[in-house]
Amino acid sequence: MDLIAKTPKPPYYAVIFTSLRTPGDSGYGEMAEKMLQLAAQQPGFLGVESAREDVGITVSYWSDLEAIKKWKANIEHLEAQKLGRENWYAAFKVRISKVERDYGI
């Protein structure tokens, strides 16, 4: 995937996932890659951008709120969410925003 997502003309939606990790990997890297591949197969998925230093920020882009709702309820994603709460994240926050304008080079 591209480092900067190629998104369509707005409006569309962004799910912003901000996290603080627990120490160690404990299967996190493998699951993160699996979730990225699975999300990319979901109807309405537009792209993703991610960065991690002290704080991890992943922004996924979606065509509409219904697509986000279905992704949140995906069985495999639900299992990853459970493992994240139990093992991988010391803290996290999810924000959903409507993108009304974008521009760049």
PDB file of N, CA and C in Angstrom:
ATOM      1  N   MET A   1       0.840  -1.187   0.000  1.00  0.00           N
ATOM      2  CA  MET A   1       0.000   0.000   0.000  1.00  0.00           C
ATOM      3  C   MET A   1       0.886   1.251   0.000  1.00  0.00           C
ATOM      4  N   ASP A   2       0.338   2.314  -0.529  1.00  0.00           N
ATOM      5  CA  ASP A   2       1.062   3.577  -0.573  1.00  0.00           C
ATOM      6  C   ASP A   2       1.195   4.158   0.832  1.00  0.00           C
ATOM      7  N   LEU A   3       2.238   4.919   1.079  1.00  0.00           N
ATOM      8  CA  LEU A   3       2.415   5.566   2.375  1.00  0.00           C
ATOM      9  C   LEU A   3       1.351   6.626   2.616  1.00  0.00           C
ATOM     10  N   ILE A   4       0.941   7.311   1.541  1.00  0.00           N
ATOM     11  CA  ILE A   4      -0.160   8.270   1.620  1.00  0.00           C
ATOM     12  C   ILE A   4      -1.298   7.707   0.780  1.00  0.00           C
ATOM     13  N   ALA A   5      -2.438   7.516   1.410  1.00  0.00           N
ATOM     14  CA  ALA A   5      -3.582   6.904   0.735  1.00  0.00           C
ATOM     15  C   ALA A   5      -4.067   7.777  -0.417  1.00  0.00           C
ATOM     16  N   LYS A   6      -4.452   7.134  -1.486  1.00  0.00           N
ATOM     17  CA  LYS A   6      -5.040   7.826  -2.631  1.00  0.00           C
ATOM     18  C   LYS A   6      -6.555   7.782  -2.438  1.00  0.00           C
ATOM     19  N   THR A   7      -7.092   8.824  -1.886  1.00  0.00           N
ATOM     20  CA  THR A   7      -8.509   8.881  -1.561  1.00  0.00           C
ATOM     21  C   THR A   7      -9.283   9.598  -2.661  1.00  0.00           C
ATOM     22  N   PRO A   8     -10.592   9.322  -2.762  1.00  0.00           N
ATOM     23  CA  PRO A   8     -11.401   9.971  -3.785  1.00  0.00           C
ATOM     24  C   PRO A   8     -11.759  11.397  -3.383  1.00  0.00           C
ATOM     25  N   LYS A   9     -12.475  12.062  -4.256  1.00  0.00           N
ATOM     26  CA  LYS A   9     -12.985  13.395  -3.956  1.00  0.00           C
ATOM     27  C   LYS A   9     -13.935  13.287  -2.742  1.00  0.00           C
ATOM     28  N   PRO A  10     -13.793  14.188  -1.758  1.00  0.00           N
ATOM     29  CA  PRO A  10     -14.693  14.152  -0.605  1.00  0.00           C
ATOM     30  C   PRO A  10     -16.138  14.400  -1.019  1.00  0.00           C
ATOM     31  N   PRO A  11     -17.066  14.000  -0.178  1.00  0.00           N
ATOM     32  CA  PRO A  11     -16.879  13.550   1.204  1.00  0.00           C
ATOM     33  C   PRO A  11     -16.614  12.051   1.299  1.00  0.00           C
ATOM     34  N   TYR A  12     -15.880  11.681   2.332  1.00  0.00           N
ATOM     35  CA  TYR A  12     -15.662  10.299   2.747  1.00  0.00           C
ATOM     36  C   TYR A  12     -15.343  10.370   4.236  1.00  0.00           C
ATOM     37  N   TYR A  13     -15.037   9.250   4.853  1.00  0.00           N
ATOM     38  CA  TYR A  13     -14.851   9.222   6.303  1.00  0.00           C
ATOM     39  C   TYR A  13     -13.468   8.716   6.675  1.00  0.00           C
ATOM     40  N   ALA A  14     -12.966   9.195   7.805  1.00  0.00           N
ATOM     41  CA  ALA A  14     -11.686   8.768   8.349  1.00  0.00           C
ATOM     42  C   ALA A  14     -11.913   8.192   9.747  1.00  0.00           C
ATOM     43  N   VAL A  15     -11.337   7.023   9.979  1.00  0.00           N
ATOM     44  CA  VAL A  15     -11.300   6.436  11.314  1.00  0.00           C
ATOM     45  C   VAL A  15      -9.871   6.616  11.807  1.00  0.00           C
ATOM     46  N   ILE A  16      -9.717   7.382  12.876  1.00  0.00           N
ATOM     47  CA  ILE A  16      -8.403   7.707  13.417  1.00  0.00           C
ATOM     48  C   ILE A  16      -8.210   6.890  14.683  1.00  0.00           C
ATOM     49  N   PHE A  17      -7.242   5.975  14.643  1.00  0.00           N
ATOM     50  CA  PHE A  17      -6.956   5.090  15.769  1.00  0.00           C
ATOM     51  C   PHE A  17      -5.613   5.505  16.359  1.00  0.00           C
ATOM     52  N   THR A  18      -5.633   6.038  17.564  1.00  0.00           N
ATOM     53  CA  THR A  18      -4.428   6.486  18.255  1.00  0.00           C
ATOM     54  C   THR A  18      -4.171   5.527  19.410  1.00  0.00           C
ATOM     55  N   SER A  19      -2.918   5.079  19.569  1.00  0.00           N
ATOM     56  CA  SER A  19      -2.665   4.052  20.585  1.00  0.00           C
ATOM     57  C   SER A  19      -1.303   4.197  21.249  1.00  0.00           C
ATOM     58  N   LEU A  20      -1.254   3.660  22.461  1.00  0.00           N
ATOM     59  CA  LEU A  20      -0.013   3.453  23.200  1.00  0.00           C
ATOM     60  C   LEU A  20       0.112   1.949  23.390  1.00  0.00           C
ATOM     61  N   ARG A  21       1.220   1.384  22.957  1.00  0.00           N
ATOM     62  CA  ARG A  21       1.439  -0.062  23.012  1.00  0.00           C
ATOM     63  C   ARG A  21       1.977  -0.504  24.359  1.00  0.00           C
ATOM     64  N   THR A  22       1.749  -1.768  24.660  1.00  0.00           N
ATOM     65  CA  THR A  22       2.407  -2.426  25.769  1.00  0.00           C
ATOM     66  C   THR A  22       3.761  -2.924  25.270  1.00  0.00           C
ATOM     67  N   PRO A  23       4.697  -3.265  26.164  1.00  0.00           N
ATOM     68  CA  PRO A  23       6.007  -3.760  25.718  1.00  0.00           C
ATOM     69  C   PRO A  23       5.901  -5.098  24.978  1.00  0.00           C
ATOM     70  N   GLY A  24       6.806  -5.322  24.039  1.00  0.00           N
ATOM     71  CA  GLY A  24       6.875  -6.590  23.316  1.00  0.00           C
ATOM     72  C   GLY A  24       5.905  -6.661  22.157  1.00  0.00           C
ATOM     73  N   ASP A  25       6.109  -7.673  21.308  1.00  0.00           N
ATOM     74  CA  ASP A  25       5.268  -7.831  20.128  1.00  0.00           C
ATOM     75  C   ASP A  25       4.086  -8.744  20.398  1.00  0.00           C
ATOM     76  N   SER A  26       4.334  -9.916  20.940  1.00  0.00           N
ATOM     77  CA  SER A  26       3.291 -10.885  21.301  1.00  0.00           C
ATOM     78  C   SER A  26       2.308 -11.138  20.159  1.00  0.00           C
ATOM     79  N   GLY A  27       2.804 -11.178  18.931  1.00  0.00           N
ATOM     80  CA  GLY A  27       1.951 -11.446  17.785  1.00  0.00           C
ATOM     81  C   GLY A  27       1.287 -10.220  17.183  1.00  0.00           C
ATOM     82  N   TYR A  28       1.591  -9.042  17.719  1.00  0.00           N
ATOM     83  CA  TYR A  28       0.958  -7.810  17.248  1.00  0.00           C
ATOM     84  C   TYR A  28       1.244  -7.533  15.770  1.00  0.00           C
ATOM     85  N   GLY A  29       2.504  -7.613  15.378  1.00  0.00           N
ATOM     86  CA  GLY A  29       2.883  -7.294  14.006  1.00  0.00           C
ATOM     87  C   GLY A  29       2.160  -8.165  12.993  1.00  0.00           C
ATOM     88  N   GLU A  30       2.095  -9.450  13.277  1.00  0.00           N
ATOM     89  CA  GLU A  30       1.405 -10.388  12.383  1.00  0.00           C
ATOM     90  C   GLU A  30      -0.088 -10.054  12.294  1.00  0.00           C
ATOM     91  N   MET A  31      -0.702  -9.771  13.438  1.00  0.00           N
ATOM     92  CA  MET A  31      -2.134  -9.448  13.438  1.00  0.00           C
ATOM     93  C   MET A  31      -2.391  -8.120  12.736  1.00  0.00           C
ATOM     94  N   ALA A  32      -1.533  -7.129  12.934  1.00  0.00           N
ATOM     95  CA  ALA A  32      -1.712  -5.834  12.278  1.00  0.00           C
ATOM     96  C   ALA A  32      -1.686  -5.999  10.760  1.00  0.00           C
ATOM     97  N   GLU A  33      -0.768  -6.800  10.261  1.00  0.00           N
ATOM     98  CA  GLU A  33      -0.685  -7.044   8.820  1.00  0.00           C
ATOM     99  C   GLU A  33      -1.930  -7.779   8.326  1.00  0.00           C
ATOM    100  N   LYS A  34      -2.375  -8.762   9.083  1.00  0.00           N
ATOM    101  CA  LYS A  34      -3.588  -9.501   8.713  1.00  0.00           C
ATOM    102  C   LYS A  34      -4.799  -8.574   8.670  1.00  0.00           C
ATOM    103  N   MET A  35      -4.922  -7.674   9.652  1.00  0.00           N
ATOM    104  CA  MET A  35      -6.069  -6.755   9.687  1.00  0.00           C
ATOM    105  C   MET A  35      -6.015  -5.766   8.527  1.00  0.00           C
ATOM    106  N   LEU A  36      -4.825  -5.324   8.162  1.00  0.00           N
ATOM    107  CA  LEU A  36      -4.680  -4.420   7.021  1.00  0.00           C
ATOM    108  C   LEU A  36      -5.151  -5.101   5.744  1.00  0.00           C
ATOM    109  N   GLN A  37      -4.730  -6.344   5.543  1.00  0.00           N
ATOM    110  CA  GLN A  37      -5.142  -7.090   4.353  1.00  0.00           C
ATOM    111  C   GLN A  37      -6.649  -7.343   4.354  1.00  0.00           C
ATOM    112  N   LEU A  38      -7.203  -7.670   5.516  1.00  0.00           N
ATOM    113  CA  LEU A  38      -8.631  -7.924   5.621  1.00  0.00           C
ATOM    114  C   LEU A  38      -9.442  -6.647   5.392  1.00  0.00           C
ATOM    115  N   ALA A  39      -9.007  -5.536   5.981  1.00  0.00           N
ATOM    116  CA  ALA A  39      -9.709  -4.262   5.799  1.00  0.00           C
ATOM    117  C   ALA A  39      -9.746  -3.874   4.328  1.00  0.00           C
ATOM    118  N   ALA A  40      -8.634  -4.096   3.632  1.00  0.00           N
ATOM    119  CA  ALA A  40      -8.542  -3.727   2.220  1.00  0.00           C
ATOM    120  C   ALA A  40      -9.539  -4.496   1.354  1.00  0.00           C
ATOM    121  N   GLN A  41     -10.039  -5.612   1.845  1.00  0.00           N
ATOM    122  CA  GLN A  41     -11.018  -6.414   1.110  1.00  0.00           C
ATOM    123  C   GLN A  41     -12.460  -6.007   1.416  1.00  0.00           C
ATOM    124  N   GLN A  42     -12.652  -5.130   2.398  1.00  0.00           N
ATOM    125  CA  GLN A  42     -14.002  -4.763   2.819  1.00  0.00           C
ATOM    126  C   GLN A  42     -14.615  -3.736   1.870  1.00  0.00           C
ATOM    127  N   PRO A  43     -15.894  -3.915   1.539  1.00  0.00           N
ATOM    128  CA  PRO A  43     -16.574  -2.903   0.729  1.00  0.00           C
ATOM    129  C   PRO A  43     -16.523  -1.539   1.425  1.00  0.00           C
ATOM    130  N   GLY A  44     -16.191  -0.516   0.667  1.00  0.00           N
ATOM    131  CA  GLY A  44     -16.134   0.838   1.213  1.00  0.00           C
ATOM    132  C   GLY A  44     -14.767   1.262   1.716  1.00  0.00           C
ATOM    133  N   PHE A  45     -13.794   0.337   1.793  1.00  0.00           N
ATOM    134  CA  PHE A  45     -12.441   0.688   2.227  1.00  0.00           C
ATOM    135  C   PHE A  45     -11.767   1.498   1.137  1.00  0.00           C
ATOM    136  N   LEU A  46     -11.149   2.628   1.513  1.00  0.00           N
ATOM    137  CA  LEU A  46     -10.512   3.516   0.544  1.00  0.00           C
ATOM    138  C   LEU A  46      -8.996   3.569   0.668  1.00  0.00           C
ATOM    139  N   GLY A  47      -8.456   3.275   1.859  1.00  0.00           N
ATOM    140  CA  GLY A  47      -7.014   3.347   2.049  1.00  0.00           C
ATOM    141  C   GLY A  47      -6.678   3.502   3.518  1.00  0.00           C
ATOM    142  N   VAL A  48      -5.373   3.528   3.781  1.00  0.00           N
ATOM    143  CA  VAL A  48      -4.907   3.627   5.170  1.00  0.00           C
ATOM    144  C   VAL A  48      -3.539   4.306   5.196  1.00  0.00           C
ATOM    145  N   GLU A  49      -3.284   5.001   6.291  1.00  0.00           N
ATOM    146  CA  GLU A  49      -1.974   5.594   6.573  1.00  0.00           C
ATOM    147  C   GLU A  49      -1.652   5.278   8.027  1.00  0.00           C
ATOM    148  N   SER A  50      -0.383   4.994   8.303  1.00  0.00           N
ATOM    149  CA  SER A  50      -0.035   4.609   9.670  1.00  0.00           C
ATOM    150  C   SER A  50       1.374   5.069  10.011  1.00  0.00           C
ATOM    151  N   ALA A  51       1.563   5.470  11.260  1.00  0.00           N
ATOM    152  CA  ALA A  51       2.880   5.861  11.764  1.00  0.00           C
ATOM    153  C   ALA A  51       2.967   5.463  13.231  1.00  0.00           C
ATOM    154  N   ARG A  52       4.159   5.066  13.655  1.00  0.00           N
ATOM    155  CA  ARG A  52       4.352   4.707  15.054  1.00  0.00           C
ATOM    156  C   ARG A  52       5.717   5.204  15.493  1.00  0.00           C
ATOM    157  N   GLU A  53       5.703   5.914  16.564  1.00  0.00           N
ATOM    158  CA  GLU A  53       6.920   6.307  17.259  1.00  0.00           C
ATOM    159  C   GLU A  53       6.608   6.018  18.712  1.00  0.00           C
ATOM    160  N   ASP A  54       6.440   7.021  19.542  1.00  0.00           N
ATOM    161  CA  ASP A  54       5.975   6.789  20.910  1.00  0.00           C
ATOM    162  C   ASP A  54       4.474   6.521  20.915  1.00  0.00           C
ATOM    163  N   VAL A  55       3.763   7.218  20.033  1.00  0.00           N
ATOM    164  CA  VAL A  55       2.326   7.066  19.886  1.00  0.00           C
ATOM    165  C   VAL A  55       2.066   6.509  18.489  1.00  0.00           C
ATOM    166  N   GLY A  56       1.179   5.536  18.388  1.00  0.00           N
ATOM    167  CA  GLY A  56       0.799   5.001  17.091  1.00  0.00           C
ATOM    168  C   GLY A  56      -0.449   5.699  16.591  1.00  0.00           C
ATOM    169  N   ILE A  57      -0.452   6.055  15.323  1.00  0.00           N
ATOM    170  CA  ILE A  57      -1.634   6.658  14.714  1.00  0.00           C
ATOM    171  C   ILE A  57      -1.868   5.951  13.384  1.00  0.00           C
ATOM    172  N   THR A  58      -3.058   5.370  13.261  1.00  0.00           N
ATOM    173  CA  THR A  58      -3.480   4.748  12.016  1.00  0.00           C
ATOM    174  C   THR A  58      -4.776   5.410  11.601  1.00  0.00           C
ATOM    175  N   VAL A  59      -4.807   5.890  10.361  1.00  0.00           N
ATOM    176  CA  VAL A  59      -6.004   6.504   9.819  1.00  0.00           C
ATOM    177  C   VAL A  59      -6.466   5.637   8.655  1.00  0.00           C
ATOM    178  N   SER A  60      -7.668   5.081   8.775  1.00  0.00           N
ATOM    179  CA  SER A  60      -8.245   4.346   7.656  1.00  0.00           C
ATOM    180  C   SER A  60      -9.370   5.181   7.068  1.00  0.00           C
ATOM    181  N   TYR A  61      -9.527   5.089   5.757  1.00  0.00           N
ATOM    182  CA  TYR A  61     -10.503   5.899   5.048  1.00  0.00           C
ATOM    183  C   TYR A  61     -11.593   4.994   4.475  1.00  0.00           C
ATOM    184  N   TRP A  62     -12.839   5.474   4.580  1.00  0.00           N
ATOM    185  CA  TRP A  62     -14.008   4.678   4.227  1.00  0.00           C
ATOM    186  C   TRP A  62     -15.002   5.524   3.454  1.00  0.00           C
ATOM    187  N   SER A  63     -15.758   4.869   2.596  1.00  0.00           N
ATOM    188  CA  SER A  63     -16.723   5.572   1.764  1.00  0.00           C
ATOM    189  C   SER A  63     -17.907   6.121   2.550  1.00  0.00           C
ATOM    190  N   ASP A  64     -18.308   5.404   3.601  1.00  0.00           N
ATOM    191  CA  ASP A  64     -19.498   5.829   4.351  1.00  0.00           C
ATOM    192  C   ASP A  64     -19.497   5.202   5.747  1.00  0.00           C
ATOM    193  N   LEU A  65     -20.414   5.674   6.573  1.00  0.00           N
ATOM    194  CA  LEU A  65     -20.496   5.197   7.949  1.00  0.00           C
ATOM    195  C   LEU A  65     -20.913   3.730   8.024  1.00  0.00           C
ATOM    196  N   GLU A  66     -21.727   3.275   7.089  1.00  0.00           N
ATOM    197  CA  GLU A  66     -22.157   1.869   7.081  1.00  0.00           C
ATOM    198  C   GLU A  66     -20.964   0.938   6.868  1.00  0.00           C
ATOM    199  N   ALA A  67     -20.036   1.312   5.993  1.00  0.00           N
ATOM    200  CA  ALA A  67     -18.834   0.508   5.761  1.00  0.00           C
ATOM    201  C   ALA A  67     -17.995   0.427   7.036  1.00  0.00           C
ATOM    202  N   ILE A  68     -17.890   1.525   7.769  1.00  0.00           N
ATOM    203  CA  ILE A  68     -17.145   1.542   9.040  1.00  0.00           C
ATOM    204  C   ILE A  68     -17.825   0.624  10.054  1.00  0.00           C
ATOM    205  N   LYS A  69     -19.130   0.705  10.135  1.00  0.00           N
ATOM    206  CA  LYS A  69     -19.895  -0.128  11.066  1.00  0.00           C
ATOM    207  C   LYS A  69     -19.688  -1.616  10.769  1.00  0.00           C
ATOM    208  N   LYS A  70     -19.721  -1.978   9.489  1.00  0.00           N
ATOM    209  CA  LYS A  70     -19.527  -3.382   9.110  1.00  0.00           C
ATOM    210  C   LYS A  70     -18.105  -3.840   9.417  1.00  0.00           C
ATOM    211  N   TRP A  71     -17.113  -2.975   9.207  1.00  0.00           N
ATOM    212  CA  TRP A  71     -15.730  -3.335   9.527  1.00  0.00           C
ATOM    213  C   TRP A  71     -15.572  -3.544  11.030  1.00  0.00           C
ATOM    214  N   LYS A  72     -16.140  -2.665  11.833  1.00  0.00           N
ATOM    215  CA  LYS A  72     -16.047  -2.810  13.287  1.00  0.00           C
ATOM    216  C   LYS A  72     -16.646  -4.135  13.748  1.00  0.00           C
ATOM    217  N   ALA A  73     -17.697  -4.611  13.057  1.00  0.00           N
ATOM    218  CA  ALA A  73     -18.401  -5.835  13.443  1.00  0.00           C
ATOM    219  C   ALA A  73     -17.839  -7.101  12.777  1.00  0.00           C
ATOM    220  N   ASN A  74     -16.821  -6.970  11.921  1.00  0.00           N
ATOM    221  CA  ASN A  74     -16.223  -8.138  11.275  1.00  0.00           C
ATOM    222  C   ASN A  74     -15.691  -9.101  12.340  1.00  0.00           C
ATOM    223  N   ILE A  75     -16.012 -10.386  12.212  1.00  0.00           N
ATOM    224  CA  ILE A  75     -15.658 -11.388  13.226  1.00  0.00           C
ATOM    225  C   ILE A  75     -14.160 -11.421  13.512  1.00  0.00           C
ATOM    226  N   GLU A  76     -13.333 -11.448  12.474  1.00  0.00           N
ATOM    227  CA  GLU A  76     -11.884 -11.484  12.681  1.00  0.00           C
ATOM    228  C   GLU A  76     -11.385 -10.182  13.311  1.00  0.00           C
ATOM    229  N   HIS A  77     -11.983  -9.064  12.911  1.00  0.00           N
ATOM    230  CA  HIS A  77     -11.611  -7.774  13.484  1.00  0.00           C
ATOM    231  C   HIS A  77     -12.021  -7.715  14.959  1.00  0.00           C
ATOM    232  N   LEU A  78     -13.186  -8.270  15.300  1.00  0.00           N
ATOM    233  CA  LEU A  78     -13.618  -8.318  16.700  1.00  0.00           C
ATOM    234  C   LEU A  78     -12.614  -9.075  17.564  1.00  0.00           C
ATOM    235  N   GLU A  79     -12.082 -10.180  17.043  1.00  0.00           N
ATOM    236  CA  GLU A  79     -11.079 -10.947  17.787  1.00  0.00           C
ATOM    237  C   GLU A  79      -9.802 -10.130  17.971  1.00  0.00           C
ATOM    238  N   ALA A  80      -9.379  -9.421  16.921  1.00  0.00           N
ATOM    239  CA  ALA A  80      -8.185  -8.572  17.033  1.00  0.00           C
ATOM    240  C   ALA A  80      -8.419  -7.450  18.042  1.00  0.00           C
ATOM    241  N   GLN A  81      -9.618  -6.871  18.061  1.00  0.00           N
ATOM    242  CA  GLN A  81      -9.942  -5.825  19.036  1.00  0.00           C
ATOM    243  C   GLN A  81      -9.824  -6.366  20.464  1.00  0.00           C
ATOM    244  N   LYS A  82     -10.342  -7.572  20.666  1.00  0.00           N
ATOM    245  CA  LYS A  82     -10.287  -8.199  21.995  1.00  0.00           C
ATOM    246  C   LYS A  82      -8.829  -8.408  22.428  1.00  0.00           C
ATOM    247  N   LEU A  83      -8.015  -8.948  21.522  1.00  0.00           N
ATOM    248  CA  LEU A  83      -6.598  -9.157  21.834  1.00  0.00           C
ATOM    249  C   LEU A  83      -5.890  -7.829  22.097  1.00  0.00           C
ATOM    250  N   GLY A  84      -6.267  -6.803  21.348  1.00  0.00           N
ATOM    251  CA  GLY A  84      -5.676  -5.482  21.563  1.00  0.00           C
ATOM    252  C   GLY A  84      -5.961  -4.953  22.953  1.00  0.00           C
ATOM    253  N   ARG A  85      -7.223  -5.055  23.381  1.00  0.00           N
ATOM    254  CA  ARG A  85      -7.585  -4.579  24.726  1.00  0.00           C
ATOM    255  C   ARG A  85      -6.878  -5.393  25.806  1.00  0.00           C
ATOM    256  N   GLU A  86      -6.747  -6.704  25.590  1.00  0.00           N
ATOM    257  CA  GLU A  86      -6.172  -7.593  26.603  1.00  0.00           C
ATOM    258  C   GLU A  86      -4.645  -7.593  26.623  1.00  0.00           C
ATOM    259  N   ASN A  87      -4.001  -7.427  25.446  1.00  0.00           N
ATOM    260  CA  ASN A  87      -2.557  -7.661  25.360  1.00  0.00           C
ATOM    261  C   ASN A  87      -1.713  -6.529  24.804  1.00  0.00           C
ATOM    262  N   TRP A  88      -2.196  -5.828  23.783  1.00  0.00           N
ATOM    263  CA  TRP A  88      -1.302  -4.981  23.002  1.00  0.00           C
ATOM    264  C   TRP A  88      -1.358  -3.500  23.306  1.00  0.00           C
ATOM    265  N   TYR A  89      -2.455  -3.020  23.878  1.00  0.00           N
ATOM    266  CA  TYR A  89      -2.593  -1.577  24.066  1.00  0.00           C
ATOM    267  C   TYR A  89      -2.678  -1.202  25.533  1.00  0.00           C
ATOM    268  N   ALA A  90      -1.837  -0.246  25.929  1.00  0.00           N
ATOM    269  CA  ALA A  90      -1.943   0.345  27.264  1.00  0.00           C
ATOM    270  C   ALA A  90      -3.070   1.370  27.268  1.00  0.00           C
ATOM    271  N   ALA A  91      -3.307   1.992  26.105  1.00  0.00           N
ATOM    272  CA  ALA A  91      -4.392   2.962  25.941  1.00  0.00           C
ATOM    273  C   ALA A  91      -4.647   3.133  24.451  1.00  0.00           C
ATOM    274  N   PHE A  92      -5.889   3.471  24.105  1.00  0.00           N
ATOM    275  CA  PHE A  92      -6.196   3.789  22.714  1.00  0.00           C
ATOM    276  C   PHE A  92      -7.437   4.664  22.652  1.00  0.00           C
ATOM    277  N   LYS A  93      -7.591   5.307  21.517  1.00  0.00           N
ATOM    278  CA  LYS A  93      -8.745   6.171  21.257  1.00  0.00           C
ATOM    279  C   LYS A  93      -9.100   6.016  19.781  1.00  0.00           C
ATOM    280  N   VAL A  94     -10.404   5.932  19.504  1.00  0.00           N
ATOM    281  CA  VAL A  94     -10.897   5.870  18.134  1.00  0.00           C
ATOM    282  C   VAL A  94     -11.749   7.108  17.891  1.00  0.00           C
ATOM    283  N   ARG A  95     -11.478   7.764  16.777  1.00  0.00           N
ATOM    284  CA  ARG A  95     -12.256   8.940  16.386  1.00  0.00           C
ATOM    285  C   ARG A  95     -12.723   8.730  14.945  1.00  0.00           C
ATOM    286  N   ILE A  96     -13.950   9.091  14.668  1.00  0.00           N
ATOM    287  CA  ILE A  96     -14.488   8.977  13.319  1.00  0.00           C
ATOM    288  C   ILE A  96     -14.870  10.370  12.851  1.00  0.00           C
ATOM    289  N   SER A  97     -14.360  10.731  11.680  1.00  0.00           N
ATOM    290  CA  SER A  97     -14.567  12.084  11.148  1.00  0.00           C
ATOM    291  C   SER A  97     -15.007  12.029   9.698  1.00  0.00           C
ATOM    292  N   LYS A  98     -15.802  12.984   9.317  1.00  0.00           N
ATOM    293  CA  LYS A  98     -16.188  13.151   7.917  1.00  0.00           C
ATOM    294  C   LYS A  98     -15.167  14.086   7.263  1.00  0.00           C
ATOM    295  N   VAL A  99     -14.581  13.639   6.179  1.00  0.00           N
ATOM    296  CA  VAL A  99     -13.628  14.462   5.428  1.00  0.00           C
ATOM    297  C   VAL A  99     -14.434  15.243   4.409  1.00  0.00           C
ATOM    298  N   GLU A 100     -14.385  16.540   4.536  1.00  0.00           N
ATOM    299  CA  GLU A 100     -15.129  17.404   3.621  1.00  0.00           C
ATOM    300  C   GLU A 100     -14.257  18.072   2.586  1.00  0.00           C
ATOM    301  N   ARG A 101     -12.945  18.078   2.857  1.00  0.00           N
ATOM    302  CA  ARG A 101     -12.014  18.719   1.942  1.00  0.00           C
ATOM    303  C   ARG A 101     -10.668  18.066   2.084  1.00  0.00           C
ATOM    304  N   ASP A 102      -9.976  17.847   0.969  1.00  0.00           N
ATOM    305  CA  ASP A 102      -8.590  17.428   1.022  1.00  0.00           C
ATOM    306  C   ASP A 102      -7.833  18.030  -0.163  1.00  0.00           C
ATOM    307  N   TYR A 103      -6.545  18.217   0.001  1.00  0.00           N
ATOM    308  CA  TYR A 103      -5.720  18.746  -1.068  1.00  0.00           C
ATOM    309  C   TYR A 103      -4.273  18.395  -0.781  1.00  0.00           C
ATOM    310  N   GLY A 104      -3.425  18.478  -1.740  1.00  0.00           N
ATOM    311  CA  GLY A 104      -2.010  18.169  -1.566  1.00  0.00           C
ATOM    312  C   GLY A 104      -1.288  18.125  -2.897  1.00  0.00           C
ATOM    313  N   ILE A 105      -0.039  17.673  -2.831  1.00  0.00           N
ATOM    314  CA  ILE A 105       0.749  17.534  -4.058  1.00  0.00           C
ATOM    315  C   ILE A 105       1.109  16.086  -4.247  1.00  0.00           C
TER     316      ILE A 105
END
